[in-house]
């Protein structure tokens, strides 16, 4: 047996395999049929996707020049026949189908199941506009049904905190894909309805393939959303993704971030409206007082010719009454201001970093004094300071563990 004397580099092996595949007549002009999955149309005009059947998956790409000649719009779940060549992407060492032409070969099984269930539930009235419940204008508590990690919950919390910090957020962590995920979502919806602990629900997850989002196409999830007496906002995937949950919900949001925008008002806009109303009331009050002064002056000049002392006495009585009215209005306005200030101060205290420290949280800074928001910013051996409610501890990083994101 002969052995090579010098080892190949990884790049040389990938290049050699690419050359071998390039000399195969079948692989250079091959027809492949399968179902589209993980489809993505890039801004460059290229299309990236996978072709799959019952037991296998193949990566594929269709460059802009070939994609421009397509007679249909590809989508996840479509069955297609693709013609092209098998090649190796040298950087990753993975083979893929370079598609030169593609045509439809019927509709995928998941797409058929989606349309069948959609038709059934629509005929039962689950999507009827008359059943849709309005969202509360100023929700005090917002329930979120999604995975505890991942971009969806981070985006929702970020926007809710920035847009309307007066609402409390209650997260019910669930599985958003895979086995038992649909049942997990249903249990969360049923929990919130049984406890009646929130004013509105956001149910959803971030983007993914049709397989990843399929939990939100399950019949039990659609029926749980329909049966909820709490208004439900469906926020699944990206803007182009539609699920059965979207149709059953009281409102569909194109993304989790958009859902957070829809369920709460803008506190900045509310503050501007309040200031405008206050300014109009103040201006109106001034006009009323000025009009009263003019009327009093005219009456005084007319009556003074007949009975000067009577007009003086009447004027004093009128001024006393007007003074009491203005004093009462002032007290009412200031009372409302004090109550609003107390509520705002209470919420600010709850959001205060010092309040968070007193509840057991801590604040970590690096050697430069910058706040450390992510473990990715730290390295083993870094010097850090940890601020607690009653002091600061100095420490050295010995080990870093990262949380795994899901969904």
Protein backbone atom coordinates (compact mmCIF):
# COMPACT_ATOMS: atom_id res chain seq x y z
CA UNK A 1 0.00 0.00 0.00
CA UNK A 2 1.33 3.42 -0.98
CA UNK A 3 1.12 6.36 1.40
CA UNK A 4 1.60 10.03 0.57
CA UNK A 5 4.77 11.45 2.05
CA UNK A 6 3.42 14.92 2.84
CA UNK A 7 0.02 15.65 4.41
CA UNK A 8 -2.54 17.71 2.50
CA UNK A 9 -3.93 20.92 3.89
CA UNK A 10 -7.69 21.19 4.40
CA UNK A 11 -7.90 23.63 1.51
CA UNK A 12 -6.04 21.24 -0.78
CA UNK A 13 -8.43 18.41 0.11
CA UNK A 14 -11.48 20.60 -0.53
CA UNK A 15 -10.02 21.72 -3.85
CA UNK A 16 -9.23 18.13 -4.86
CA UNK A 17 -12.79 17.00 -4.08
CA UNK A 18 -14.13 19.95 -6.06
CA UNK A 19 -12.03 18.91 -9.06
CA UNK A 20 -13.17 15.30 -8.78
CA UNK A 21 -16.82 16.33 -8.69
CA UNK A 22 -16.23 18.71 -11.58
CA UNK A 23 -15.11 15.80 -13.82
CA UNK A 24 -18.27 13.77 -13.17
CA UNK A 25 -20.73 14.09 -16.09
CA UNK A 26 -23.80 13.20 -14.02
CA UNK A 27 -23.04 15.66 -11.22
CA UNK A 28 -22.35 18.44 -13.71
CA UNK A 29 -25.87 18.34 -15.17
CA UNK A 30 -28.19 16.77 -12.62
CA UNK A 31 -31.94 17.00 -11.90
CA UNK A 32 -32.94 16.97 -8.23
CA UNK A 33 -36.45 17.10 -6.85
CA UNK A 34 -37.35 17.94 -3.29
CA UNK A 35 -39.16 20.34 -0.99
CA UNK A 36 -37.85 23.86 -0.38
CA UNK A 37 -36.81 24.67 3.17
CA UNK A 38 -34.82 27.46 4.88
CA UNK A 39 -35.41 29.61 1.79
CA UNK A 40 -33.85 33.08 1.84
CA UNK A 41 -33.77 35.67 -0.94
CA UNK A 42 -30.67 37.82 -0.34
CA UNK A 43 -30.61 41.54 -1.16
CA UNK A 44 -27.89 40.75 -3.71
CA UNK A 45 -30.44 38.80 -5.77
CA UNK A 46 -28.97 35.39 -4.87
CA UNK A 47 -31.24 32.75 -3.35
CA UNK A 48 -30.14 30.32 -0.65
CA UNK A 49 -32.17 27.27 0.35
CA UNK A 50 -32.25 23.58 1.18
CA UNK A 51 -33.87 20.75 -0.74
CA UNK A 52 -35.24 17.96 1.42
CA UNK A 53 -37.20 14.75 1.23
CA UNK A 54 -38.31 12.28 3.88
CA UNK A 55 -34.80 11.30 4.96
CA UNK A 56 -32.26 13.75 3.55
CA UNK A 57 -31.37 17.43 3.15
CA UNK A 58 -29.15 19.14 0.55
CA UNK A 59 -27.91 22.71 0.58
CA UNK A 60 -28.50 24.70 -2.61
CA UNK A 61 -27.87 28.15 -4.05
CA UNK A 62 -29.27 29.96 -7.08
CA UNK A 63 -27.30 32.97 -8.21
CA UNK A 64 -28.94 36.21 -9.32
CA UNK A 65 -28.59 35.63 -13.07
CA UNK A 66 -30.45 32.31 -12.84
CA UNK A 67 -32.94 33.54 -10.22
CA UNK A 68 -33.99 36.42 -12.49
CA UNK A 69 -35.36 33.89 -15.01
CA UNK A 70 -37.68 32.16 -12.54
CA UNK A 71 -41.35 32.04 -13.56
CA UNK A 72 -42.60 31.73 -9.96
CA UNK A 73 -41.80 32.97 -6.47
CA UNK A 74 -40.11 30.23 -4.40
CA UNK A 75 -41.35 29.68 -0.84
CA UNK A 76 -40.80 27.21 1.97
CA UNK A 77 -42.89 24.07 1.54
CA UNK A 78 -42.90 24.10 -2.27
CA UNK A 79 -41.92 20.95 -4.12
CA UNK A 80 -39.57 21.73 -7.00
CA UNK A 81 -37.39 20.13 -9.65
CA UNK A 82 -33.99 21.82 -9.86
CA UNK A 83 -31.37 21.42 -12.58
CA UNK A 84 -27.75 22.32 -11.94
CA UNK A 85 -24.41 20.98 -10.85
CA UNK A 86 -23.01 19.58 -7.62
CA UNK A 87 -19.97 21.45 -6.38
CA UNK A 88 -17.96 22.06 -3.22
CA UNK A 89 -17.89 25.37 -1.41
CA UNK A 90 -14.19 25.27 -0.55
CA UNK A 91 -14.30 27.51 2.51
CA UNK A 92 -16.76 25.28 4.40
CA UNK A 93 -15.83 22.00 2.75
CA UNK A 94 -19.51 21.25 2.06
CA UNK A 95 -21.05 20.23 -1.19
CA UNK A 96 -24.17 21.93 -2.51
CA UNK A 97 -26.35 22.13 -5.58
CA UNK A 98 -25.71 25.16 -7.78
CA UNK A 99 -29.13 25.62 -9.40
CA UNK A 100 -29.34 26.93 -12.95
CA UNK A 101 -33.05 26.26 -13.54
CA UNK A 102 -35.97 25.43 -11.25
CA UNK A 103 -39.66 24.69 -11.74
CA UNK A 104 -42.52 23.73 -9.42
CA UNK A 105 -43.36 20.10 -8.85
CA UNK A 106 -46.56 20.44 -6.82
CA UNK A 107 -47.02 21.72 -3.26
CA UNK A 108 -45.14 20.38 -0.25
CA UNK A 109 -46.80 18.26 2.42
CA UNK A 110 -46.52 20.97 5.10
CA UNK A 111 -48.06 23.55 2.79
CA UNK A 112 -50.95 21.19 2.06
CA UNK A 113 -51.48 20.58 5.78
CA UNK A 114 -51.38 24.33 6.42
CA UNK A 115 -54.02 25.11 3.79
CA UNK A 116 -56.25 22.23 4.89
CA UNK A 117 -56.26 23.30 8.55
CA UNK A 118 -56.67 26.96 7.63
CA UNK A 119 -59.78 26.14 5.55
CA UNK A 120 -61.26 23.95 8.31
CA UNK A 121 -60.83 26.52 11.09
CA UNK A 122 -62.00 29.37 8.89
CA UNK A 123 -65.23 27.50 8.15
CA UNK A 124 -65.73 26.98 11.90
CA UNK A 125 -65.46 30.74 12.46
CA UNK A 126 -62.17 30.81 14.36
CA UNK A 127 -60.89 33.63 12.13
CA UNK A 128 -64.10 35.70 12.18
CA UNK A 129 -63.51 39.47 12.64
CA UNK A 130 -66.57 39.61 14.91
CA UNK A 131 -64.69 37.48 17.46
CA UNK A 132 -61.64 39.75 17.59
CA UNK A 133 -61.18 41.51 20.92
CA UNK A 134 -59.76 45.06 21.13
CA UNK A 135 -56.45 45.56 22.91
CA UNK A 136 -56.42 47.58 26.15
CA UNK A 137 -55.14 51.13 25.67
CA UNK A 138 -53.03 51.19 28.84
CA UNK A 139 -52.18 47.61 29.91
CA UNK A 140 -50.85 47.30 33.46
CA UNK A 141 -49.51 43.74 32.99
CA UNK A 142 -48.41 42.11 29.74
CA UNK A 143 -48.01 38.34 29.41
CA UNK A 144 -45.38 37.01 27.00
CA UNK A 145 -45.42 33.40 25.78
CA UNK A 146 -42.11 32.58 24.11
CA UNK A 147 -38.70 30.97 24.67
CA UNK A 148 -36.79 32.40 27.66
CA UNK A 149 -33.71 32.97 25.51
CA UNK A 150 -33.24 34.22 21.98
CA UNK A 151 -33.84 37.46 20.10
CA UNK A 152 -37.64 37.51 20.47
CA UNK A 153 -37.83 38.05 24.23
CA UNK A 154 -34.89 40.49 24.18
CA UNK A 155 -36.55 42.62 21.49
CA UNK A 156 -39.92 42.58 23.27
CA UNK A 157 -38.48 43.61 26.65
CA UNK A 158 -36.29 46.30 25.11
CA UNK A 159 -39.17 47.99 23.28
CA UNK A 160 -41.69 47.67 26.13
CA UNK A 161 -39.22 49.24 28.58
CA UNK A 162 -38.37 52.08 26.23
CA UNK A 163 -41.89 52.75 24.96
CA UNK A 164 -44.05 52.39 28.10
CA UNK A 165 -42.13 51.61 31.27
CA UNK A 166 -45.24 51.68 33.46
CA UNK A 167 -46.37 48.18 32.40
CA UNK A 168 -45.18 45.02 34.15
CA UNK A 169 -44.09 42.10 31.93
CA UNK A 170 -44.77 38.47 32.92
CA UNK A 171 -42.85 35.84 30.91
CA UNK A 172 -44.12 32.26 30.70
CA UNK A 173 -41.13 30.37 29.16
CA UNK A 174 -42.13 27.72 26.61
CA UNK A 175 -40.70 25.50 23.89
CA UNK A 176 -41.23 27.15 20.52
CA UNK A 177 -40.22 24.26 18.26
CA UNK A 178 -39.81 20.52 18.34
CA UNK A 179 -41.66 17.80 20.19
CA UNK A 180 -44.18 18.93 22.84
CA UNK A 181 -43.73 22.60 21.88
CA UNK A 182 -47.37 23.07 20.83
CA UNK A 183 -48.60 21.63 24.14
CA UNK A 184 -46.16 23.90 26.00
CA UNK A 185 -47.61 26.98 24.26
CA UNK A 186 -51.19 25.89 25.00
CA UNK A 187 -50.40 25.38 28.70
CA UNK A 188 -49.02 28.92 28.92
CA UNK A 189 -52.12 30.47 27.33
CA UNK A 190 -54.40 28.44 29.59
CA UNK A 191 -52.38 29.45 32.67
CA UNK A 192 -52.76 33.17 31.98
CA UNK A 193 -56.50 32.76 31.34
CA UNK A 194 -57.02 30.74 34.52
CA UNK A 195 -55.05 33.17 36.69
CA UNK A 196 -56.45 36.23 34.91
CA UNK A 197 -53.19 37.94 35.82
CA UNK A 198 -52.48 39.99 32.67
CA UNK A 199 -54.35 42.42 30.40
CA UNK A 200 -52.95 41.27 27.05
CA UNK A 201 -50.84 38.37 25.70
CA UNK A 202 -47.98 38.31 23.17
CA UNK A 203 -47.53 34.79 21.77
CA UNK A 204 -44.69 34.12 19.33
CA UNK A 205 -41.04 33.55 18.49
CA UNK A 206 -38.30 34.71 16.13
CA UNK A 207 -37.91 33.68 12.50
CA UNK A 208 -37.04 30.30 11.07
CA UNK A 209 -37.97 27.73 8.46
CA UNK A 210 -41.53 26.44 8.03
CA UNK A 211 -40.53 23.45 10.15
CA UNK A 212 -39.22 25.71 12.92
CA UNK A 213 -42.47 27.71 13.00
CA UNK A 214 -44.78 24.71 12.73
CA UNK A 215 -45.79 24.70 16.42
CA UNK A 216 -47.81 27.84 15.69
CA UNK A 217 -49.62 26.00 12.87
CA UNK A 218 -50.92 23.31 15.22
CA UNK A 219 -54.69 23.11 15.72
CA UNK A 220 -54.47 22.98 19.53
CA UNK A 221 -52.55 26.27 19.60
CA UNK A 222 -55.09 27.97 17.30
CA UNK A 223 -58.00 26.80 19.46
CA UNK A 224 -56.28 27.94 22.67
CA UNK A 225 -55.76 31.41 21.19
CA UNK A 226 -59.38 31.54 19.99
CA UNK A 227 -60.69 30.47 23.41
CA UNK A 228 -58.61 33.03 25.32
CA UNK A 229 -60.69 35.75 27.00
CA UNK A 230 -57.47 37.77 27.20
CA UNK A 231 -56.66 39.59 23.92
CA UNK A 232 -53.85 37.78 22.07
CA UNK A 233 -51.28 39.31 19.72
CA UNK A 234 -49.57 36.73 17.49
CA UNK A 235 -45.93 37.58 16.72
CA UNK A 236 -44.31 34.70 14.85
CA UNK A 237 -41.24 34.92 12.65
CA UNK A 238 -40.61 37.68 10.13
CA UNK A 239 -42.99 39.92 8.21
CA UNK A 240 -43.32 37.43 5.32
CA UNK A 241 -44.16 34.50 7.64
CA UNK A 242 -47.82 33.64 8.22
CA UNK A 243 -49.06 30.97 10.63
CA UNK A 244 -52.47 29.63 11.67
CA UNK A 245 -51.96 31.42 14.99
CA UNK A 246 -51.87 34.76 13.15
CA UNK A 247 -55.39 34.20 11.81
CA UNK A 248 -56.80 32.98 15.15
CA UNK A 249 -55.30 35.83 17.20
CA UNK A 250 -57.04 39.13 17.90
CA UNK A 251 -54.17 40.93 16.19
CA UNK A 252 -51.25 39.79 14.06
CA UNK A 253 -47.87 41.52 14.42
CA UNK A 254 -45.28 41.03 11.66
CA UNK A 255 -42.47 40.53 14.21
CA UNK A 256 -42.06 40.23 18.01
CA UNK A 257 -40.68 43.78 18.05
CA UNK A 258 -43.76 45.08 16.25
CA UNK A 259 -45.97 43.28 18.78
CA UNK A 260 -44.35 45.22 21.61
CA UNK A 261 -44.99 48.45 19.69
CA UNK A 262 -48.67 47.56 19.22
CA UNK A 263 -49.63 46.58 22.79
CA UNK A 264 -48.51 49.76 24.57
CA UNK A 265 -48.76 53.49 23.83
CA UNK A 266 -45.76 55.78 23.65
CA UNK A 267 -45.14 57.49 26.98
CA UNK A 268 -43.41 60.33 25.13
CA UNK A 269 -46.52 60.98 23.03
CA UNK A 270 -48.77 60.75 26.10
CA UNK A 271 -46.63 63.29 27.92
CA UNK A 272 -46.86 65.68 24.95
CA UNK A 273 -50.66 65.29 24.84
CA UNK A 274 -50.93 65.99 28.56
CA UNK A 275 -48.81 69.12 28.26
CA UNK A 276 -50.93 70.36 25.34
CA UNK A 277 -54.18 69.81 27.24
CA UNK A 278 -52.78 71.52 30.32
CA UNK A 279 -51.68 74.52 28.23
CA UNK A 280 -55.15 74.80 26.64
CA UNK A 281 -56.88 74.62 30.04
CA UNK A 282 -54.57 77.27 31.46
CA UNK A 283 -55.21 79.56 28.49
CA UNK A 284 -58.98 79.01 28.75
CA UNK A 285 -58.95 79.85 32.47
CA UNK A 286 -57.08 83.09 31.78
CA UNK A 287 -59.61 84.11 29.13
CA UNK A 288 -62.51 83.45 31.53
CA UNK A 289 -60.89 85.59 34.23
CA UNK A 290 -60.14 88.42 31.79
CA UNK A 291 -63.70 88.36 30.44
CA UNK A 292 -65.03 88.55 34.00
CA UNK A 293 -62.84 91.54 34.72
CA UNK A 294 -64.13 93.37 31.65
CA UNK A 295 -67.75 92.61 32.50
CA UNK A 296 -67.19 93.77 36.07
CA UNK A 297 -65.64 97.00 34.84
CA UNK A 298 -68.56 97.76 32.51
CA UNK A 299 -71.12 96.95 35.22
CA UNK A 300 -69.27 99.04 37.76
CA UNK A 301 -69.12 102.09 35.51
CA UNK A 302 -72.86 101.83 34.78
CA UNK A 303 -74.02 101.24 38.34
CA UNK A 304 -71.62 103.66 39.96
CA UNK A 305 -73.63 106.59 38.69
CA UNK A 306 -76.70 105.37 40.63
CA UNK A 307 -75.28 103.74 43.75
CA UNK A 308 -71.48 103.83 44.06
CA UNK A 309 -71.34 101.97 47.39
CA UNK A 310 -73.61 99.12 46.19
CA UNK A 311 -71.39 98.38 43.20
CA UNK A 312 -68.34 98.34 45.44
CA UNK A 313 -69.99 95.86 47.82
CA UNK A 314 -71.16 93.63 44.95
CA UNK A 315 -67.70 93.70 43.42
CA UNK A 316 -66.14 92.59 46.66
CA UNK A 317 -68.58 89.68 46.93
CA UNK A 318 -67.94 88.69 43.30
CA UNK A 319 -64.19 88.84 43.72
CA UNK A 320 -64.37 86.71 46.88
CA UNK A 321 -66.44 84.10 45.02
CA UNK A 322 -64.09 84.15 42.04
CA UNK A 323 -61.09 83.82 44.34
CA UNK A 324 -62.59 80.74 46.06
CA UNK A 325 -63.39 79.15 42.69
CA UNK A 326 -59.86 79.70 41.41
CA UNK A 327 -58.40 78.44 44.70
CA UNK A 328 -60.48 75.23 44.48
CA UNK A 329 -59.47 74.66 40.84
CA UNK A 330 -55.83 75.23 41.75
CA UNK A 331 -56.04 72.69 44.60
CA UNK A 332 -57.64 70.10 42.32
CA UNK A 333 -54.98 70.56 39.65
CA UNK A 334 -52.15 70.41 42.18
CA UNK A 335 -53.73 67.32 43.80
CA UNK A 336 -53.76 65.53 40.46
CA UNK A 337 -50.17 66.59 39.87
CA UNK A 338 -49.06 65.29 43.28
CA UNK A 339 -50.81 61.92 42.72
CA UNK A 340 -49.24 61.56 39.25
CA UNK A 341 -45.86 62.51 40.68
CA UNK A 342 -46.23 59.90 43.44
CA UNK A 343 -47.11 57.18 40.92
CA UNK A 344 -44.21 58.16 38.66
CA UNK A 345 -41.79 58.32 41.60
CA UNK A 346 -42.90 54.86 42.72
CA UNK A 347 -42.27 53.39 39.28
CA UNK A 348 -38.93 55.17 38.93
CA UNK A 349 -37.94 53.78 42.32
CA UNK A 350 -38.83 50.27 41.11
CA UNK A 351 -36.67 50.79 38.04
CA UNK A 352 -33.82 52.41 39.95
CA UNK A 353 -30.48 50.56 39.79
CA UNK A 354 -30.17 51.04 43.57
CA UNK A 355 -33.52 49.35 44.02
CA UNK A 356 -32.34 46.45 41.88
CA UNK A 357 -29.16 46.17 43.99
CA UNK A 358 -31.21 45.97 47.18
CA UNK A 359 -33.13 43.03 45.73
CA UNK A 360 -29.98 40.95 45.26
CA UNK A 361 -28.78 42.11 41.84
CA UNK A 362 -25.29 43.47 41.22
CA UNK A 363 -23.49 45.76 38.78
CA UNK A 364 -20.25 44.59 37.15
CA UNK A 365 -17.62 46.95 35.66
CA UNK A 366 -14.31 46.25 33.92
CA UNK A 367 -10.96 47.89 34.72
CA UNK A 368 -11.90 50.97 32.66
CA UNK A 369 -15.06 51.47 34.68
CA UNK A 370 -17.39 50.51 31.81
CA UNK A 371 -20.48 48.46 32.67
CA UNK A 372 -20.15 44.81 31.55
CA UNK A 373 -23.44 43.86 29.82
CA UNK A 374 -22.27 40.63 28.17
CA UNK A 375 -19.97 37.78 29.16
CA UNK A 376 -18.46 37.99 25.68
CA UNK A 377 -16.66 41.18 26.76
CA UNK A 378 -14.69 39.38 29.43
CA UNK A 379 -11.59 37.25 29.20
CA UNK A 380 -10.05 34.92 31.74
CA UNK A 381 -7.80 36.90 34.08
CA UNK A 382 -9.64 40.23 33.63
CA UNK A 383 -9.97 42.44 36.72
CA UNK A 384 -13.56 43.37 37.51
CA UNK A 385 -15.47 45.21 40.24
CA UNK A 386 -18.88 44.03 41.48
CA UNK A 387 -21.10 46.70 43.06
CA UNK A 388 -23.57 45.37 45.64
CA UNK A 389 -26.19 47.20 47.72
CA UNK A 390 -23.74 47.89 50.56
CA UNK A 391 -20.34 47.99 48.93
CA UNK A 392 -18.04 46.96 46.06
CA UNK A 393 -16.02 43.77 45.65
CA UNK A 394 -12.90 43.40 43.48
CA UNK A 395 -12.46 40.11 41.60
CA UNK A 396 -10.52 38.32 38.88
CA UNK A 397 -12.30 36.29 36.16
CA UNK A 398 -11.39 32.61 36.52
CA UNK A 399 -13.89 31.07 34.12
CA UNK A 400 -16.60 32.19 31.67
CA UNK A 401 -19.71 30.17 30.81
CA UNK A 402 -22.12 31.17 28.07
CA UNK A 403 -25.85 30.47 27.96
CA UNK A 404 -27.10 28.56 24.91
CA UNK A 405 -29.77 30.42 22.90
CA UNK A 406 -32.89 28.67 21.61
CA UNK A 407 -35.60 29.74 19.13
